[in-house]
């Protein structure tokens, strides 16, 4: 199960949580470079709900 607790911050400002899907969670530029606001944005929370509902399958997820 992917917990979306880690991410990659790209030089473009894009925050991605999955190095396989490369789906952009948010861009820090859209949040005045405030990472915390981007990380806890409505879009980010919607992605977490999708993951929690098993709408994302990953063979790379850490077993818990």
Protein backbone atom coordinates (compact mmCIF):
# COMPACT_ATOMS: atom_id res chain seq x y z
CA UNK A 1 0.00 0.00 0.00
CA UNK A 2 1.35 3.38 -1.00
CA UNK A 3 1.09 5.82 1.86
CA UNK A 4 2.09 8.90 -0.15
CA UNK A 5 4.37 10.07 2.61
CA UNK A 6 7.34 10.68 0.36
CA UNK A 7 7.74 12.69 -2.79
CA UNK A 8 10.11 14.12 -5.32
CA UNK A 9 10.37 17.85 -5.92
CA UNK A 10 11.38 18.44 -9.51
CA UNK A 11 13.32 21.47 -10.72
CA UNK A 12 10.15 22.65 -12.48
CA UNK A 13 8.47 22.96 -9.08
CA UNK A 14 6.30 19.89 -9.66
CA UNK A 15 5.75 17.59 -6.71
CA UNK A 16 5.33 13.95 -7.64
CA UNK A 17 4.64 11.13 -5.23
CA UNK A 18 5.23 8.23 -7.58
CA UNK A 19 8.33 7.80 -9.69
CA UNK A 20 6.49 5.24 -11.81
CA UNK A 21 3.31 7.15 -12.70
CA UNK A 22 4.91 10.59 -12.53
CA UNK A 23 1.51 12.11 -11.72
CA UNK A 24 1.94 15.70 -10.58
CA UNK A 25 0.48 16.26 -7.13
CA UNK A 26 0.94 20.03 -7.25
CA UNK A 27 3.46 22.67 -8.22
CA UNK A 28 5.04 24.76 -5.48
CA UNK A 29 4.99 27.80 -7.77
CA UNK A 30 1.18 27.70 -7.64
CA UNK A 31 1.38 27.92 -3.84
CA UNK A 32 3.85 30.81 -3.62
CA UNK A 33 6.64 28.26 -3.04
CA UNK A 34 4.96 27.07 0.15
CA UNK A 35 5.56 23.31 0.09
CA UNK A 36 3.33 22.63 3.09
CA UNK A 37 0.32 24.29 1.44
CA UNK A 38 0.92 22.32 -1.76
CA UNK A 39 1.40 19.03 0.12
CA UNK A 40 -1.89 19.46 2.02
CA UNK A 41 -3.86 20.95 -0.87
CA UNK A 42 -7.28 19.73 -1.96
CA UNK A 43 -5.72 18.02 -4.98
CA UNK A 44 -3.18 16.23 -2.80
CA UNK A 45 -5.86 15.02 -0.43
CA UNK A 46 -7.96 13.79 -3.38
CA UNK A 47 -4.98 11.76 -4.59
CA UNK A 48 -4.53 10.25 -1.12
CA UNK A 49 -8.20 9.22 -1.10
CA UNK A 50 -7.78 7.53 -4.50
CA UNK A 51 -4.75 5.63 -3.20
CA UNK A 52 -6.54 4.66 0.01
CA UNK A 53 -9.45 3.33 -2.07
CA UNK A 54 -6.99 1.10 -3.96
CA UNK A 55 -7.43 3.04 -7.21
CA UNK A 56 -3.68 2.85 -7.62
CA UNK A 57 -1.74 -0.38 -7.73
CA UNK A 58 1.99 -0.39 -7.25
CA UNK A 59 4.44 -3.25 -7.17
CA UNK A 60 7.03 -0.92 -5.64
CA UNK A 61 5.00 -0.06 -2.52
CA UNK A 62 6.56 -0.75 0.85
CA UNK A 63 4.88 -3.59 2.72
CA UNK A 64 3.41 -2.54 6.04
